[in-house]
Amino acid sequence: MGALTEQRAVPGNWSVIGSTGASCDRERALRTLYDEHADSLLHFVIRQVGGDRQQAEDIVQETLLRSWRRAEFDGTRSLRPWLFTVARRLAVDTYRRRKARPEEVDGSGLEDQLTAEADDIDRMLSSVVLTDALDALSPAHRAVLQETYFRDRSVQEAADALGVPPGTVKSRIHYALRALRLALDERDVSTTRR
């Protein structure tokens, strides 16, 4: 049995494996059939599949392979109507198969979208874990961190807002960060800087 291969995208340059020096009448008949019908089959199928040349070439190849496998193939009678019917049915089957499964995507932008979604999820989870860890702190430690880190106030501004001396703010920041680090470690969150 032979198989068809495409040497180039030009139908006239296709060849049947084993066609040069074909050893049997059946193989020579297939080559003749190919020479007579491949171009017109290709043009017909391209219209059937909406201009997708690669898909059309695959269907023509399958059509000719089916003629090769056809038991009563002898090359003496015209198989043109049969070839076009087979090609049309293969085109319809291909169309139905594509409609029955989800649409294929090329993947461009998908990785960026997944990365962005993963980043959003990571931020959300980090926010939940951080909020939970902050809730584990004493009210004084939580207040000093809110004033200095979340409201971006200086030590003096935080001291004025909290009504405590600046030295107390510095001390509370130190112990609040230690307590926060422990709370995050308890939640299996790495606090080491990268």
Protein backbone atom coordinates (compact mmCIF):
# COMPACT_ATOMS: atom_id res chain seq x y z
CA MET A 1 0.00 0.00 0.00
CA GLY A 2 1.17 3.52 -0.66
CA ALA A 3 0.58 6.81 1.05
CA LEU A 4 0.45 10.33 -0.30
CA THR A 5 2.91 13.00 0.68
CA GLU A 6 3.02 16.66 -0.10
CA GLN A 7 6.31 17.90 -1.49
CA ARG A 8 5.15 21.50 -1.79
CA ALA A 9 1.83 23.29 -1.46
CA VAL A 10 1.36 23.23 -5.24
CA PRO A 11 -0.96 20.37 -6.31
CA GLY A 12 1.02 19.60 -9.45
CA ASN A 13 4.08 18.81 -7.32
CA TRP A 14 2.42 16.21 -5.10
CA SER A 15 3.54 12.66 -5.60
CA VAL A 16 2.40 9.20 -4.69
CA ILE A 17 5.01 7.22 -2.82
CA GLY A 18 6.13 4.43 -5.08
CA SER A 19 4.65 6.03 -8.21
CA THR A 20 7.95 6.40 -9.98
CA GLY A 21 8.52 3.06 -11.58
CA ALA A 22 5.17 1.76 -10.35
CA SER A 23 5.30 -1.99 -10.33
CA CYS A 24 1.63 -2.83 -10.67
CA ASP A 25 -1.34 -1.75 -12.73
CA ARG A 26 -3.21 -0.64 -9.62
CA GLU A 27 -0.44 1.75 -8.61
CA ARG A 28 -0.15 3.17 -12.14
CA ALA A 29 -3.95 3.59 -12.24
CA LEU A 30 -3.87 5.49 -8.95
CA ARG A 31 -1.15 7.79 -10.30
CA THR A 32 -3.26 8.44 -13.39
CA LEU A 33 -6.31 9.05 -11.23
CA TYR A 34 -4.30 11.47 -9.13
CA ASP A 35 -2.93 13.31 -12.16
CA GLU A 36 -6.43 13.65 -13.63
CA HIS A 37 -8.40 14.63 -10.53
CA ALA A 38 -6.20 16.02 -7.73
CA ASP A 39 -6.26 19.65 -8.86
CA SER A 40 -10.01 19.81 -9.43
CA LEU A 41 -10.64 17.90 -6.18
CA LEU A 42 -8.45 20.35 -4.30
CA HIS A 43 -10.26 23.39 -5.71
CA PHE A 44 -13.63 21.78 -4.94
CA VAL A 45 -12.66 20.94 -1.35
CA ILE A 46 -11.13 24.36 -0.69
CA ARG A 47 -14.57 25.84 -1.40
CA GLN A 48 -16.19 23.19 0.81
CA VAL A 49 -13.97 24.02 3.81
CA GLY A 50 -14.13 27.79 3.50
CA GLY A 51 -10.69 28.37 2.01
CA ASP A 52 -8.58 26.36 4.49
CA ARG A 53 -5.98 25.00 2.10
CA GLN A 54 -4.24 22.73 4.61
CA GLN A 55 -7.51 21.10 5.59
CA ALA A 56 -8.47 20.77 1.92
CA GLU A 57 -5.16 19.07 1.11
CA ASP A 58 -5.72 16.62 3.97
CA ILE A 59 -9.19 15.79 2.67
CA VAL A 60 -7.93 15.28 -0.91
CA GLN A 61 -5.19 13.04 0.42
CA GLU A 62 -7.70 10.98 2.42
CA THR A 63 -9.99 10.76 -0.61
CA LEU A 64 -7.20 9.42 -2.80
CA LEU A 65 -6.12 6.99 -0.07
CA ARG A 66 -9.66 5.65 0.07
CA SER A 67 -9.61 5.15 -3.69
CA TRP A 68 -6.32 3.26 -3.26
CA ARG A 69 -7.90 0.98 -0.65
CA ARG A 70 -11.10 0.47 -2.63
CA ALA A 71 -11.21 -3.21 -3.57
CA GLU A 72 -12.74 -2.84 -7.04
CA PHE A 73 -10.42 -0.02 -8.06
CA ASP A 74 -9.09 -0.94 -11.48
CA GLY A 75 -8.59 2.42 -13.16
CA THR A 76 -10.64 1.54 -16.24
CA ARG A 77 -13.83 3.44 -15.37
CA SER A 78 -14.37 7.01 -14.21
CA LEU A 79 -14.29 7.39 -10.47
CA ARG A 80 -14.73 11.17 -10.58
CA PRO A 81 -18.29 11.19 -9.18
CA TRP A 82 -17.25 8.80 -6.42
CA LEU A 83 -14.14 10.86 -5.58
CA PHE A 84 -16.12 14.09 -5.32
CA THR A 85 -18.78 12.41 -3.19
CA VAL A 86 -16.14 11.02 -0.82
CA ALA A 87 -14.38 14.40 -0.64
CA ARG A 88 -17.66 16.22 0.09
CA ARG A 89 -18.56 13.71 2.82
CA LEU A 90 -15.12 14.03 4.39
CA ALA A 91 -15.48 17.83 4.38
CA VAL A 92 -18.90 17.54 6.05
CA ASP A 93 -17.54 15.09 8.62
CA THR A 94 -14.65 17.43 9.40
CA TYR A 95 -17.05 20.35 9.82
CA ARG A 96 -19.31 18.32 12.13
CA ARG A 97 -16.35 17.10 14.19
CA ARG A 98 -15.16 20.66 14.74
CA LYS A 99 -18.64 21.81 15.74
CA ALA A 100 -18.98 18.93 18.20
CA ARG A 101 -15.90 19.92 20.21
CA PRO A 102 -14.92 23.24 21.76
CA GLU A 103 -13.38 25.82 19.49
CA GLU A 104 -9.63 25.59 19.24
CA VAL A 105 -7.58 28.54 20.44
CA ASP A 106 -4.09 29.41 19.43
CA GLY A 107 -3.00 30.06 23.01
CA SER A 108 -1.65 33.54 22.39
CA GLY A 109 -2.46 35.71 25.36
CA LEU A 110 -3.72 32.73 27.34
CA GLU A 111 -0.50 32.48 29.33
CA ASP A 112 -0.61 36.20 30.13
CA GLN A 113 -4.25 35.92 31.18
CA LEU A 114 -3.54 32.91 33.40
CA THR A 115 -0.54 34.67 34.93
CA ALA A 116 -2.63 37.77 35.62
CA GLU A 117 -5.39 35.66 37.16
CA ALA A 118 -2.83 33.78 39.26
CA ASP A 119 -1.35 37.09 40.40
CA ASP A 120 -4.81 38.34 41.35
CA ILE A 121 -5.50 35.16 43.29
CA ASP A 122 -2.10 35.36 44.99
CA ARG A 123 -2.77 38.97 45.97
CA MET A 124 -6.19 38.08 47.30
CA LEU A 125 -4.87 35.13 49.29
CA SER A 126 -1.97 37.20 50.59
CA SER A 127 -4.43 39.87 51.64
CA VAL A 128 -6.60 37.34 53.47
CA VAL A 129 -3.61 35.77 55.22
CA LEU A 130 -2.17 39.18 56.14
CA THR A 131 -5.52 40.38 57.49
CA ASP A 132 -5.79 37.21 59.55
CA ALA A 133 -2.24 37.66 60.88
CA LEU A 134 -2.91 41.31 61.72
CA ASP A 135 -6.03 40.30 63.62
CA ALA A 136 -3.81 38.07 65.78
CA LEU A 137 -1.81 41.13 66.98
CA SER A 138 -2.66 43.16 70.03
CA PRO A 139 -4.74 46.30 69.35
CA ALA A 140 -1.75 48.55 70.18
CA HIS A 141 0.56 46.76 67.75
CA ARG A 142 -2.10 46.65 65.02
CA ALA A 143 -2.77 50.40 65.46
CA VAL A 144 0.89 51.36 65.16
CA LEU A 145 1.31 49.28 61.98
CA GLN A 146 -1.85 50.77 60.48
CA GLU A 147 -0.61 54.29 61.15
CA THR A 148 2.95 53.81 59.89
CA TYR A 149 2.63 51.25 57.08
CA PHE A 150 -0.91 51.47 55.78
CA ARG A 151 -1.44 55.21 56.21
CA ASP A 152 2.20 55.98 55.39
CA ARG A 153 2.73 58.28 58.36
CA SER A 154 6.05 59.14 59.92
CA VAL A 155 6.88 58.08 63.48
CA GLN A 156 6.05 61.60 64.73
CA GLU A 157 2.73 61.72 62.83
CA ALA A 158 1.79 58.25 64.15
CA ALA A 159 2.73 59.33 67.68
CA ASP A 160 0.49 62.40 67.38
CA ALA A 161 -2.40 60.33 65.96
CA LEU A 162 -2.08 57.66 68.67
CA GLY A 163 -1.37 60.08 71.50
CA VAL A 164 1.86 58.34 72.57
CA PRO A 165 5.53 59.43 72.54
CA PRO A 166 7.61 58.77 69.37
CA GLY A 167 9.85 56.31 71.28
CA THR A 168 6.79 54.23 72.14
CA VAL A 169 5.79 54.16 68.44
CA LYS A 170 9.28 52.92 67.48
CA SER A 171 9.20 50.24 70.19
CA ARG A 172 5.70 49.10 69.21
CA ILE A 173 6.68 48.92 65.53
CA HIS A 174 9.62 46.67 66.45
CA TYR A 175 7.52 44.29 68.56
CA ALA A 176 4.55 44.45 66.18
CA LEU A 177 6.71 43.35 63.25
CA ARG A 178 8.17 40.50 65.32
CA ALA A 179 4.67 39.38 66.32
CA LEU A 180 3.45 39.71 62.73
CA ARG A 181 6.39 37.62 61.47
CA LEU A 182 5.51 34.89 64.01
CA ALA A 183 1.83 35.02 63.03
CA LEU A 184 2.74 34.62 59.37
CA ASP A 185 5.13 31.75 60.16
CA GLU A 186 2.27 30.00 61.97
CA ARG A 187 0.28 30.29 58.74
CA ASP A 188 3.18 28.82 56.70
CA VAL A 189 3.89 32.11 54.95
CA SER A 190 7.53 32.82 54.21
CA THR A 191 8.66 36.18 55.54
CA THR A 192 12.18 36.10 54.16
CA ARG A 193 13.03 38.75 51.60
CA ARG A 194 14.03 37.70 48.08
